[in-house]
Amino acid sequence: WYLGTGIGCRGSKLVATVANGSPAFGQYRPDPDGGYHPWALQILEIHDGQIVGLNAFLDTERWFPMFDLPRFLHASGAEYDAVQAAQLEQLAQRRRHARDPHREAAPANEQA
């Protein structure tokens, strides 16, 4: 499948996020004009520490804004790294808030 029908996903980029407490990723496929266009929101199902399912939601115009995922990734590796770092920081903030919902948000330059 990966070398046939699914070959269009070769070279895709993933940007981490969380959906309903589960690990998830915005998947971006290579764009023929350069960069990467949104393809799917991929959500892992985890049970007893193992991946038991993978759900793909292709309506990226609807789902990507809900997860603060960019509408397009440019070809620059630096931009991808910056987007990934920002998403991971947001995830860390959500985790900290989930552990202590009464805690005030820390300033952006303060580490928890």
PDB file of N, CA and C in Angstrom:
ATOM      1  N   TRP A   1       0.826  -1.187   0.000  1.00  0.00           N
ATOM      2  CA  TRP A   1       0.000   0.000   0.000  1.00  0.00           C
ATOM      3  C   TRP A   1       0.868   1.248   0.000  1.00  0.00           C
ATOM      4  N   TYR A   2       1.885   1.271   0.839  1.00  0.00           N
ATOM      5  CA  TYR A   2       2.719   2.465   0.952  1.00  0.00           C
ATOM      6  C   TYR A   2       3.477   2.773  -0.336  1.00  0.00           C
ATOM      7  N   LEU A   3       3.732   1.780  -1.154  1.00  0.00           N
ATOM      8  CA  LEU A   3       4.437   2.005  -2.412  1.00  0.00           C
ATOM      9  C   LEU A   3       3.480   2.078  -3.596  1.00  0.00           C
ATOM     10  N   GLY A   4       2.192   1.905  -3.324  1.00  0.00           N
ATOM     11  CA  GLY A   4       1.173   1.968  -4.380  1.00  0.00           C
ATOM     12  C   GLY A   4       0.241   3.144  -4.138  1.00  0.00           C
ATOM     13  N   THR A   5      -0.981   2.839  -3.715  1.00  0.00           N
ATOM     14  CA  THR A   5      -2.006   3.852  -3.490  1.00  0.00           C
ATOM     15  C   THR A   5      -1.558   4.943  -2.522  1.00  0.00           C
ATOM     16  N   GLY A   6      -0.839   4.568  -1.475  1.00  0.00           N
ATOM     17  CA  GLY A   6      -0.452   5.537  -0.442  1.00  0.00           C
ATOM     18  C   GLY A   6       0.835   6.285  -0.717  1.00  0.00           C
ATOM     19  N   ILE A   7       1.423   6.131  -1.896  1.00  0.00           N
ATOM     20  CA  ILE A   7       2.716   6.742  -2.189  1.00  0.00           C
ATOM     21  C   ILE A   7       2.664   8.276  -2.095  1.00  0.00           C
ATOM     22  N   GLY A   8       1.489   8.878  -2.266  1.00  0.00           N
ATOM     23  CA  GLY A   8       1.356  10.334  -2.177  1.00  0.00           C
ATOM     24  C   GLY A   8       1.691  10.885  -0.803  1.00  0.00           C
ATOM     25  N   CYS A   9       1.710  10.019   0.201  1.00  0.00           N
ATOM     26  CA  CYS A   9       2.037  10.460   1.563  1.00  0.00           C
ATOM     27  C   CYS A   9       3.545  10.445   1.820  1.00  0.00           C
ATOM     28  N   ARG A  10       4.302   9.916   0.888  1.00  0.00           N
ATOM     29  CA  ARG A  10       5.759   9.853   1.056  1.00  0.00           C
ATOM     30  C   ARG A  10       6.311  11.265   1.225  1.00  0.00           C
ATOM     31  N   GLY A  11       7.146  11.431   2.247  1.00  0.00           N
ATOM     32  CA  GLY A  11       7.726  12.746   2.508  1.00  0.00           C
ATOM     33  C   GLY A  11       6.831  13.660   3.334  1.00  0.00           C
ATOM     34  N   SER A  12       5.728  13.125   3.851  1.00  0.00           N
ATOM     35  CA  SER A  12       4.817  13.936   4.677  1.00  0.00           C
ATOM     36  C   SER A  12       5.514  14.444   5.932  1.00  0.00           C
ATOM     37  N   LYS A  13       4.984  15.526   6.483  1.00  0.00           N
ATOM     38  CA  LYS A  13       5.430  16.074   7.761  1.00  0.00           C
ATOM     39  C   LYS A  13       4.291  15.908   8.761  1.00  0.00           C
ATOM     40  N   LEU A  14       4.642  15.669  10.017  1.00  0.00           N
ATOM     41  CA  LEU A  14       3.657  15.555  11.089  1.00  0.00           C
ATOM     42  C   LEU A  14       3.915  16.647  12.108  1.00  0.00           C
ATOM     43  N   VAL A  15       2.828  17.277  12.583  1.00  0.00           N
ATOM     44  CA  VAL A  15       2.908  18.277  13.641  1.00  0.00           C
ATOM     45  C   VAL A  15       2.078  17.742  14.804  1.00  0.00           C
ATOM     46  N   ALA A  16       2.712  17.603  15.958  1.00  0.00           N
ATOM     47  CA  ALA A  16       2.072  16.984  17.128  1.00  0.00           C
ATOM     48  C   ALA A  16       0.982  17.865  17.722  1.00  0.00           C
ATOM     49  N   THR A  17      -0.065  17.208  18.219  1.00  0.00           N
ATOM     50  CA  THR A  17      -1.126  17.856  18.976  1.00  0.00           C
ATOM     51  C   THR A  17      -1.788  16.779  19.842  1.00  0.00           C
ATOM     52  N   VAL A  18      -2.888  17.116  20.482  1.00  0.00           N
ATOM     53  CA  VAL A  18      -3.640  16.167  21.300  1.00  0.00           C
ATOM     54  C   VAL A  18      -5.118  16.328  20.964  1.00  0.00           C
ATOM     55  N   ALA A  19      -5.834  15.212  20.860  1.00  0.00           N
ATOM     56  CA  ALA A  19      -7.272  15.235  20.597  1.00  0.00           C
ATOM     57  C   ALA A  19      -7.964  14.368  21.647  1.00  0.00           C
ATOM     58  N   ASN A  20      -8.799  14.981  22.457  1.00  0.00           N
ATOM     59  CA  ASN A  20      -9.510  14.262  23.527  1.00  0.00           C
ATOM     60  C   ASN A  20      -8.561  13.462  24.402  1.00  0.00           C
ATOM     61  N   GLY A  21      -7.403  14.034  24.678  1.00  0.00           N
ATOM     62  CA  GLY A  21      -6.429  13.390  25.543  1.00  0.00           C
ATOM     63  C   GLY A  21      -5.556  12.349  24.856  1.00  0.00           C
ATOM     64  N   SER A  22      -5.777  12.117  23.588  1.00  0.00           N
ATOM     65  CA  SER A  22      -4.993  11.133  22.843  1.00  0.00           C
ATOM     66  C   SER A  22      -3.940  11.825  21.978  1.00  0.00           C
ATOM     67  N   PRO A  23      -2.801  11.166  21.767  1.00  0.00           N
ATOM     68  CA  PRO A  23      -1.806  11.738  20.865  1.00  0.00           C
ATOM     69  C   PRO A  23      -2.402  11.879  19.462  1.00  0.00           C
ATOM     70  N   ALA A  24      -2.092  12.992  18.824  1.00  0.00           N
ATOM     71  CA  ALA A  24      -2.608  13.243  17.483  1.00  0.00           C
ATOM     72  C   ALA A  24      -1.572  14.037  16.693  1.00  0.00           C
ATOM     73  N   PHE A  25      -1.756  14.047  15.392  1.00  0.00           N
ATOM     74  CA  PHE A  25      -0.818  14.720  14.509  1.00  0.00           C
ATOM     75  C   PHE A  25      -1.565  15.342  13.342  1.00  0.00           C
ATOM     76  N   GLY A  26      -1.171  16.558  12.986  1.00  0.00           N
ATOM     77  CA  GLY A  26      -1.595  17.122  11.719  1.00  0.00           C
ATOM     78  C   GLY A  26      -0.642  16.583  10.671  1.00  0.00           C
ATOM     79  N   GLN A  27      -1.168  15.953   9.635  1.00  0.00           N
ATOM     80  CA  GLN A  27      -0.326  15.410   8.564  1.00  0.00           C
ATOM     81  C   GLN A  27      -0.373  16.358   7.383  1.00  0.00           C
ATOM     82  N   TYR A  28       0.809  16.667   6.878  1.00  0.00           N
ATOM     83  CA  TYR A  28       0.960  17.547   5.722  1.00  0.00           C
ATOM     84  C   TYR A  28       1.673  16.791   4.615  1.00  0.00           C
ATOM     85  N   ARG A  29       1.062  16.756   3.434  1.00  0.00           N
ATOM     86  CA  ARG A  29       1.668  16.074   2.285  1.00  0.00           C
ATOM     87  C   ARG A  29       2.446  17.072   1.438  1.00  0.00           C
ATOM     88  N   PRO A  30       3.485  16.607   0.757  1.00  0.00           N
ATOM     89  CA  PRO A  30       4.238  17.508  -0.116  1.00  0.00           C
ATOM     90  C   PRO A  30       3.328  18.125  -1.179  1.00  0.00           C
ATOM     91  N   ASP A  31       3.491  19.423  -1.392  1.00  0.00           N
ATOM     92  CA  ASP A  31       2.733  20.151  -2.406  1.00  0.00           C
ATOM     93  C   ASP A  31       3.604  20.225  -3.664  1.00  0.00           C
ATOM     94  N   PRO A  32       3.043  19.972  -4.841  1.00  0.00           N
ATOM     95  CA  PRO A  32       3.856  20.006  -6.054  1.00  0.00           C
ATOM     96  C   PRO A  32       4.499  21.378  -6.312  1.00  0.00           C
ATOM     97  N   ASP A  33       3.913  22.436  -5.768  1.00  0.00           N
ATOM     98  CA  ASP A  33       4.466  23.783  -5.950  1.00  0.00           C
ATOM     99  C   ASP A  33       5.447  24.159  -4.848  1.00  0.00           C
ATOM    100  N   GLY A  34       5.746  23.232  -3.951  1.00  0.00           N
ATOM    101  CA  GLY A  34       6.652  23.491  -2.835  1.00  0.00           C
ATOM    102  C   GLY A  34       5.887  23.564  -1.529  1.00  0.00           C
ATOM    103  N   GLY A  35       6.542  23.251  -0.458  1.00  0.00           N
ATOM    104  CA  GLY A  35       5.906  23.260   0.854  1.00  0.00           C
ATOM    105  C   GLY A  35       5.039  22.028   1.050  1.00  0.00           C
ATOM    106  N   TYR A  36       4.118  22.134   2.017  1.00  0.00           N
ATOM    107  CA  TYR A  36       3.287  21.004   2.413  1.00  0.00           C
ATOM    108  C   TYR A  36       1.867  21.471   2.681  1.00  0.00           C
ATOM    109  N   HIS A  37       0.893  20.772   2.115  1.00  0.00           N
ATOM    110  CA  HIS A  37      -0.507  21.131   2.346  1.00  0.00           C
ATOM    111  C   HIS A  37      -1.149  20.147   3.330  1.00  0.00           C
ATOM    112  N   PRO A  38      -2.134  20.617   4.088  1.00  0.00           N
ATOM    113  CA  PRO A  38      -2.807  19.751   5.073  1.00  0.00           C
ATOM    114  C   PRO A  38      -3.452  18.551   4.388  1.00  0.00           C
ATOM    115  N   TRP A  39      -3.327  17.415   5.016  1.00  0.00           N
ATOM    116  CA  TRP A  39      -3.923  16.202   4.458  1.00  0.00           C
ATOM    117  C   TRP A  39      -4.891  15.560   5.440  1.00  0.00           C
ATOM    118  N   ALA A  40      -4.494  15.408   6.713  1.00  0.00           N
ATOM    119  CA  ALA A  40      -5.367  14.704   7.658  1.00  0.00           C
ATOM    120  C   ALA A  40      -4.983  15.015   9.092  1.00  0.00           C
ATOM    121  N   LEU A  41      -5.964  14.923   9.966  1.00  0.00           N
ATOM    122  CA  LEU A  41      -5.724  14.914  11.402  1.00  0.00           C
ATOM    123  C   LEU A  41      -5.684  13.437  11.782  1.00  0.00           C
ATOM    124  N   GLN A  42      -4.517  12.965  12.230  1.00  0.00           N
ATOM    125  CA  GLN A  42      -4.320  11.562  12.583  1.00  0.00           C
ATOM    126  C   GLN A  42      -4.376  11.440  14.110  1.00  0.00           C
ATOM    127  N   ILE A  43      -5.274  10.598  14.628  1.00  0.00           N
ATOM    128  CA  ILE A  43      -5.434  10.431  16.071  1.00  0.00           C
ATOM    129  C   ILE A  43      -5.162   8.979  16.439  1.00  0.00           C
ATOM    130  N   LEU A  44      -4.221   8.798  17.381  1.00  0.00           N
ATOM    131  CA  LEU A  44      -3.878   7.458  17.834  1.00  0.00           C
ATOM    132  C   LEU A  44      -4.829   7.025  18.941  1.00  0.00           C
ATOM    133  N   GLU A  45      -5.214   5.764  18.916  1.00  0.00           N
ATOM    134  CA  GLU A  45      -5.943   5.159  20.032  1.00  0.00           C
ATOM    135  C   GLU A  45      -4.939   4.324  20.810  1.00  0.00           C
ATOM    136  N   ILE A  46      -4.847   4.585  22.108  1.00  0.00           N
ATOM    137  CA  ILE A  46      -3.903   3.877  22.974  1.00  0.00           C
ATOM    138  C   ILE A  46      -4.685   3.079  24.012  1.00  0.00           C
ATOM    139  N   HIS A  47      -4.310   1.820  24.196  1.00  0.00           N
ATOM    140  CA  HIS A  47      -4.918   0.979  25.235  1.00  0.00           C
ATOM    141  C   HIS A  47      -3.807   0.143  25.858  1.00  0.00           C
ATOM    142  N   ASP A  48      -3.700   0.203  27.179  1.00  0.00           N
ATOM    143  CA  ASP A  48      -2.653  -0.521  27.909  1.00  0.00           C
ATOM    144  C   ASP A  48      -1.261  -0.227  27.346  1.00  0.00           C
ATOM    145  N   GLY A  49      -1.041   1.043  26.978  1.00  0.00           N
ATOM    146  CA  GLY A  49       0.269   1.466  26.510  1.00  0.00           C
ATOM    147  C   GLY A  49       0.608   1.060  25.090  1.00  0.00           C
ATOM    148  N   GLN A  50      -0.349   0.528  24.358  1.00  0.00           N
ATOM    149  CA  GLN A  50      -0.095   0.103  22.985  1.00  0.00           C
ATOM    150  C   GLN A  50      -1.025   0.828  22.025  1.00  0.00           C
ATOM    151  N   ILE A  51      -0.547   1.085  20.828  1.00  0.00           N
ATOM    152  CA  ILE A  51      -1.395   1.679  19.787  1.00  0.00           C
ATOM    153  C   ILE A  51      -2.333   0.587  19.287  1.00  0.00           C
ATOM    154  N   VAL A  52      -3.636   0.839  19.403  1.00  0.00           N
ATOM    155  CA  VAL A  52      -4.621  -0.151  18.959  1.00  0.00           C
ATOM    156  C   VAL A  52      -5.461   0.369  17.799  1.00  0.00           C
ATOM    157  N   GLY A  53      -5.280   1.646  17.470  1.00  0.00           N
ATOM    158  CA  GLY A  53      -6.035   2.199  16.361  1.00  0.00           C
ATOM    159  C   GLY A  53      -5.457   3.521  15.885  1.00  0.00           C
ATOM    160  N   LEU A  54      -5.769   3.840  14.654  1.00  0.00           N
ATOM    161  CA  LEU A  54      -5.378   5.105  14.050  1.00  0.00           C
ATOM    162  C   LEU A  54      -6.565   5.609  13.263  1.00  0.00           C
ATOM    163  N   ASN A  55      -7.026   6.811  13.613  1.00  0.00           N
ATOM    164  CA  ASN A  55      -8.167   7.404  12.929  1.00  0.00           C
ATOM    165  C   ASN A  55      -7.702   8.627  12.176  1.00  0.00           C
ATOM    166  N   ALA A  56      -8.100   8.736  10.916  1.00  0.00           N
ATOM    167  CA  ALA A  56      -7.715   9.863  10.074  1.00  0.00           C
ATOM    168  C   ALA A  56      -8.963  10.672   9.722  1.00  0.00           C
ATOM    169  N   PHE A  57      -8.890  11.980   9.957  1.00  0.00           N
ATOM    170  CA  PHE A  57      -9.979  12.892   9.632  1.00  0.00           C
ATOM    171  C   PHE A  57      -9.481  13.825   8.537  1.00  0.00           C
ATOM    172  N   LEU A  58     -10.087  13.736   7.356  1.00  0.00           N
ATOM    173  CA  LEU A  58      -9.587  14.432   6.181  1.00  0.00           C
ATOM    174  C   LEU A  58     -10.141  15.840   5.990  1.00  0.00           C
ATOM    175  N   ASP A  59     -11.118  16.241   6.769  1.00  0.00           N
ATOM    176  CA  ASP A  59     -11.691  17.586   6.636  1.00  0.00           C
ATOM    177  C   ASP A  59     -10.790  18.594   7.345  1.00  0.00           C
ATOM    178  N   THR A  60      -9.634  18.870   6.736  1.00  0.00           N
ATOM    179  CA  THR A  60      -8.628  19.718   7.375  1.00  0.00           C
ATOM    180  C   THR A  60      -9.096  21.162   7.536  1.00  0.00           C
ATOM    181  N   GLU A  61      -9.964  21.640   6.651  1.00  0.00           N
ATOM    182  CA  GLU A  61     -10.472  23.012   6.801  1.00  0.00           C
ATOM    183  C   GLU A  61     -11.277  23.153   8.085  1.00  0.00           C
ATOM    184  N   ARG A  62     -11.921  22.101   8.506  1.00  0.00           N
ATOM    185  CA  ARG A  62     -12.706  22.127   9.744  1.00  0.00           C
ATOM    186  C   ARG A  62     -11.823  21.857  10.970  1.00  0.00           C
ATOM    187  N   TRP A  63     -11.003  20.802  10.896  1.00  0.00           N
ATOM    188  CA  TRP A  63     -10.303  20.322  12.086  1.00  0.00           C
ATOM    189  C   TRP A  63      -9.013  21.055  12.401  1.00  0.00           C
ATOM    190  N   PHE A  64      -8.215  21.431  11.417  1.00  0.00           N
ATOM    191  CA  PHE A  64      -6.914  22.038  11.715  1.00  0.00           C
ATOM    192  C   PHE A  64      -7.031  23.319  12.536  1.00  0.00           C
ATOM    193  N   PRO A  65      -7.951  24.234  12.237  1.00  0.00           N
ATOM    194  CA  PRO A  65      -8.063  25.437  13.079  1.00  0.00           C
ATOM    195  C   PRO A  65      -8.410  25.119  14.537  1.00  0.00           C
ATOM    196  N   MET A  66      -9.171  24.063  14.773  1.00  0.00           N
ATOM    197  CA  MET A  66      -9.545  23.702  16.144  1.00  0.00           C
ATOM    198  C   MET A  66      -8.335  23.263  16.968  1.00  0.00           C
ATOM    199  N   PHE A  67      -7.268  22.828  16.300  1.00  0.00           N
ATOM    200  CA  PHE A  67      -6.066  22.345  16.979  1.00  0.00           C
ATOM    201  C   PHE A  67      -4.882  23.282  16.756  1.00  0.00           C
ATOM    202  N   ASP A  68      -5.170  24.500  16.305  1.00  0.00           N
ATOM    203  CA  ASP A  68      -4.129  25.512  16.038  1.00  0.00           C
ATOM    204  C   ASP A  68      -3.045  24.985  15.101  1.00  0.00           C
ATOM    205  N   LEU A  69      -3.432  24.157  14.152  1.00  0.00           N
ATOM    206  CA  LEU A  69      -2.482  23.642  13.172  1.00  0.00           C
ATOM    207  C   LEU A  69      -2.443  24.593  11.976  1.00  0.00           C
ATOM    208  N   PRO A  70      -1.256  24.875  11.457  1.00  0.00           N
ATOM    209  CA  PRO A  70      -1.152  25.806  10.337  1.00  0.00           C
ATOM    210  C   PRO A  70      -1.890  25.311   9.098  1.00  0.00           C
ATOM    211  N   ARG A  71      -2.340  26.263   8.281  1.00  0.00           N
ATOM    212  CA  ARG A  71      -3.051  25.925   7.044  1.00  0.00           C
ATOM    213  C   ARG A  71      -2.103  25.454   5.951  1.00  0.00           C
ATOM    214  N   PHE A  72      -0.803  25.728   6.108  1.00  0.00           N
ATOM    215  CA  PHE A  72       0.199  25.343   5.110  1.00  0.00           C
ATOM    216  C   PHE A  72       1.562  25.385   5.776  1.00  0.00           C
ATOM    217  N   LEU A  73       2.439  24.463   5.407  1.00  0.00           N
ATOM    218  CA  LEU A  73       3.821  24.503   5.872  1.00  0.00           C
ATOM    219  C   LEU A  73       4.703  24.829   4.674  1.00  0.00           C
ATOM    220  N   HIS A  74       5.522  25.834   4.809  1.00  0.00           N
ATOM    221  CA  HIS A  74       6.442  26.183   3.739  1.00  0.00           C
ATOM    222  C   HIS A  74       7.603  25.200   3.746  1.00  0.00           C
ATOM    223  N   ALA A  75       8.343  25.172   2.683  1.00  0.00           N
ATOM    224  CA  ALA A  75       9.409  24.175   2.517  1.00  0.00           C
ATOM    225  C   ALA A  75      10.547  24.332   3.514  1.00  0.00           C
ATOM    226  N   SER A  76      10.664  25.487   4.136  1.00  0.00           N
ATOM    227  CA  SER A  76      11.769  25.748   5.055  1.00  0.00           C
ATOM    228  C   SER A  76      11.735  24.806   6.252  1.00  0.00           C
ATOM    229  N   GLY A  77      12.833  24.127   6.492  1.00  0.00           N
ATOM    230  CA  GLY A  77      12.938  23.266   7.666  1.00  0.00           C
ATOM    231  C   GLY A  77      12.849  24.068   8.951  1.00  0.00           C
ATOM    232  N   ALA A  78      13.345  25.310   8.931  1.00  0.00           N
ATOM    233  CA  ALA A  78      13.303  26.161  10.121  1.00  0.00           C
ATOM    234  C   ALA A  78      11.856  26.478  10.496  1.00  0.00           C
ATOM    235  N   GLU A  79      11.011  26.718   9.494  1.00  0.00           N
ATOM    236  CA  GLU A  79       9.603  27.014   9.792  1.00  0.00           C
ATOM    237  C   GLU A  79       8.939  25.789  10.418  1.00  0.00           C
ATOM    238  N   TYR A  80       9.207  24.616   9.851  1.00  0.00           N
ATOM    239  CA  TYR A  80       8.626  23.387  10.398  1.00  0.00           C
ATOM    240  C   TYR A  80       9.071  23.193  11.839  1.00  0.00           C
ATOM    241  N   ASP A  81      10.354  23.399  12.107  1.00  0.00           N
ATOM    242  CA  ASP A  81      10.869  23.264  13.468  1.00  0.00           C
ATOM    243  C   ASP A  81      10.182  24.236  14.414  1.00  0.00           C
ATOM    244  N   ALA A  82       9.957  25.475  13.958  1.00  0.00           N
ATOM    245  CA  ALA A  82       9.299  26.488  14.797  1.00  0.00           C
ATOM    246  C   ALA A  82       7.848  26.114  15.071  1.00  0.00           C
ATOM    247  N   VAL A  83       7.145  25.629  14.059  1.00  0.00           N
ATOM    248  CA  VAL A  83       5.748  25.208  14.237  1.00  0.00           C
ATOM    249  C   VAL A  83       5.683  24.044  15.215  1.00  0.00           C
ATOM    250  N   GLN A  84       6.568  23.067  15.038  1.00  0.00           N
ATOM    251  CA  GLN A  84       6.586  21.898  15.920  1.00  0.00           C
ATOM    252  C   GLN A  84       6.890  22.323  17.363  1.00  0.00           C
ATOM    253  N   ALA A  85       7.852  23.226  17.541  1.00  0.00           N
ATOM    254  CA  ALA A  85       8.205  23.690  18.888  1.00  0.00           C
ATOM    255  C   ALA A  85       7.022  24.418  19.533  1.00  0.00           C
ATOM    256  N   ALA A  86       6.330  25.243  18.770  1.00  0.00           N
ATOM    257  CA  ALA A  86       5.171  25.975  19.309  1.00  0.00           C
ATOM    258  C   ALA A  86       4.064  25.009  19.711  1.00  0.00           C
ATOM    259  N   GLN A  87       3.801  23.995  18.887  1.00  0.00           N
ATOM    260  CA  GLN A  87       2.767  23.015  19.214  1.00  0.00           C
ATOM    261  C   GLN A  87       3.144  22.234  20.470  1.00  0.00           C
ATOM    262  N   LEU A  88       4.397  21.840  20.576  1.00  0.00           N
ATOM    263  CA  LEU A  88       4.820  21.088  21.754  1.00  0.00           C
ATOM    264  C   LEU A  88       4.735  21.937  23.019  1.00  0.00           C
ATOM    265  N   GLU A  89       5.026  23.231  22.916  1.00  0.00           N
ATOM    266  CA  GLU A  89       4.893  24.125  24.079  1.00  0.00           C
ATOM    267  C   GLU A  89       3.425  24.248  24.485  1.00  0.00           C
ATOM    268  N   GLN A  90       2.526  24.365  23.503  1.00  0.00           N
ATOM    269  CA  GLN A  90       1.095  24.425  23.820  1.00  0.00           C
ATOM    270  C   GLN A  90       0.645  23.142  24.516  1.00  0.00           C
ATOM    271  N   LEU A  91       1.132  21.994  24.049  1.00  0.00           N
ATOM    272  CA  LEU A  91       0.775  20.727  24.685  1.00  0.00           C
ATOM    273  C   LEU A  91       1.269  20.681  26.120  1.00  0.00           C
ATOM    274  N   ALA A  92       2.493  21.155  26.356  1.00  0.00           N
ATOM    275  CA  ALA A  92       3.039  21.178  27.711  1.00  0.00           C
ATOM    276  C   ALA A  92       2.205  22.079  28.607  1.00  0.00           C
ATOM    277  N   GLN A  93       1.782  23.217  28.094  1.00  0.00           N
ATOM    278  CA  GLN A  93       0.950  24.127  28.887  1.00  0.00           C
ATOM    279  C   GLN A  93      -0.381  23.480  29.225  1.00  0.00           C
ATOM    280  N   ARG A  94      -0.979  22.775  28.265  1.00  0.00           N
ATOM    281  CA  ARG A  94      -2.254  22.099  28.530  1.00  0.00           C
ATOM    282  C   ARG A  94      -2.092  21.031  29.607  1.00  0.00           C
ATOM    283  N   ARG A  95      -0.980  20.287  29.549  1.00  0.00           N
ATOM    284  CA  ARG A  95      -0.735  19.256  30.561  1.00  0.00           C
ATOM    285  C   ARG A  95      -0.580  19.877  31.945  1.00  0.00           C
ATOM    286  N   ARG A  96       0.193  20.983  32.009  1.00  0.00           N
ATOM    287  CA  ARG A  96       0.378  21.648  33.307  1.00  0.00           C
ATOM    288  C   ARG A  96      -0.957  22.141  33.841  1.00  0.00           C
ATOM    289  N   HIS A  97      -1.777  22.701  32.973  1.00  0.00           N
ATOM    290  CA  HIS A  97      -3.082  23.206  33.393  1.00  0.00           C
ATOM    291  C   HIS A  97      -3.987  22.048  33.825  1.00  0.00           C
ATOM    292  N   ALA A  98      -3.915  20.918  33.127  1.00  0.00           N
ATOM    293  CA  ALA A  98      -4.747  19.764  33.484  1.00  0.00           C
ATOM    294  C   ALA A  98      -4.389  19.240  34.871  1.00  0.00           C
ATOM    295  N   ARG A  99      -3.092  19.307  35.225  1.00  0.00           N
ATOM    296  CA  ARG A  99      -2.672  18.845  36.553  1.00  0.00           C
ATOM    297  C   ARG A  99      -3.087  19.821  37.637  1.00  0.00           C
ATOM    298  N   ASP A 100      -3.103  21.124  37.317  1.00  0.00           N
ATOM    299  CA  ASP A 100      -3.433  22.147  38.305  1.00  0.00           C
ATOM    300  C   ASP A 100      -4.261  23.248  37.628  1.00  0.00           C
ATOM    301  N   PRO A 101      -5.577  23.014  37.435  1.00  0.00           N
ATOM    302  CA  PRO A 101      -6.414  23.956  36.690  1.00  0.00           C
ATOM    303  C   PRO A 101      -6.548  25.333  37.344  1.00  0.00           C
ATOM    304  N   HIS A 102      -6.201  25.469  38.631  1.00  0.00           N
ATOM    305  CA  HIS A 102      -6.326  26.761  39.311  1.00  0.00           C
ATOM    306  C   HIS A 102      -5.061  27.594  39.204  1.00  0.00           C
ATOM    307  N   ARG A 103      -4.027  27.000  38.677  1.00  0.00           N
ATOM    308  CA  ARG A 103      -2.755  27.699  38.526  1.00  0.00           C
ATOM    309  C   ARG A 103      -2.879  28.760  37.436  1.00  0.00           C
ATOM    310  N   GLU A 104      -2.349  29.926  37.709  1.00  0.00           N
ATOM    311  CA  GLU A 104      -2.354  30.981  36.701  1.00  0.00           C
ATOM    312  C   GLU A 104      -1.334  30.637  35.635  1.00  0.00           C
ATOM    313  N   ALA A 105      -1.603  31.094  34.424  1.00  0.00           N
ATOM    314  CA  ALA A 105      -0.671  30.853  33.323  1.00  0.00           C
ATOM    315  C   ALA A 105       0.642  31.562  33.607  1.00  0.00           C
ATOM    316  N   ALA A 106       1.745  30.850  33.398  1.00  0.00           N
ATOM    317  CA  ALA A 106       3.063  31.427  33.595  1.00  0.00           C
ATOM    318  C   ALA A 106       3.411  32.328  32.418  1.00  0.00           C
ATOM    319  N   PRO A 107       4.193  33.374  32.642  1.00  0.00           N
ATOM    320  CA  PRO A 107       4.649  34.184  31.507  1.00  0.00           C
ATOM    321  C   PRO A 107       5.388  33.306  30.505  1.00  0.00           C
ATOM    322  N   ALA A 108       5.355  33.727  29.235  1.00  0.00           N
ATOM    323  CA  ALA A 108       5.923  32.930  28.153  1.00  0.00           C
ATOM    324  C   ALA A 108       7.396  32.589  28.382  1.00  0.00           C
ATOM    325  N   ASN A 109       8.149  33.457  29.050  1.00  0.00           N
ATOM    326  CA  ASN A 109       9.568  33.205  29.222  1.00  0.00           C
ATOM    327  C   ASN A 109       9.880  32.436  30.500  1.00  0.00           C
ATOM    328  N   GLU A 110       8.865  32.094  31.275  1.00  0.00           N
ATOM    329  CA  GLU A 110       9.078  31.358  32.533  1.00  0.00           C
ATOM    330  C   GLU A 110       8.831  29.887  32.288  1.00  0.00           C
ATOM    331  N   GLN A 111       9.728  29.048  32.729  1.00  0.00           N
ATOM    332  CA  GLN A 111       9.549  27.611  32.589  1.00  0.00           C
ATOM    333  C   GLN A 111       8.942  27.047  33.865  1.00  0.00           C
ATOM    334  N   ALA A 112       8.056  26.089  33.668  1.00  0.00           N
ATOM    335  CA  ALA A 112       7.419  25.455  34.828  1.00  0.00           C
ATOM    336  C   ALA A 112       8.159  24.216  35.232  1.00  0.00           C
TER     337      ALA A 112
END
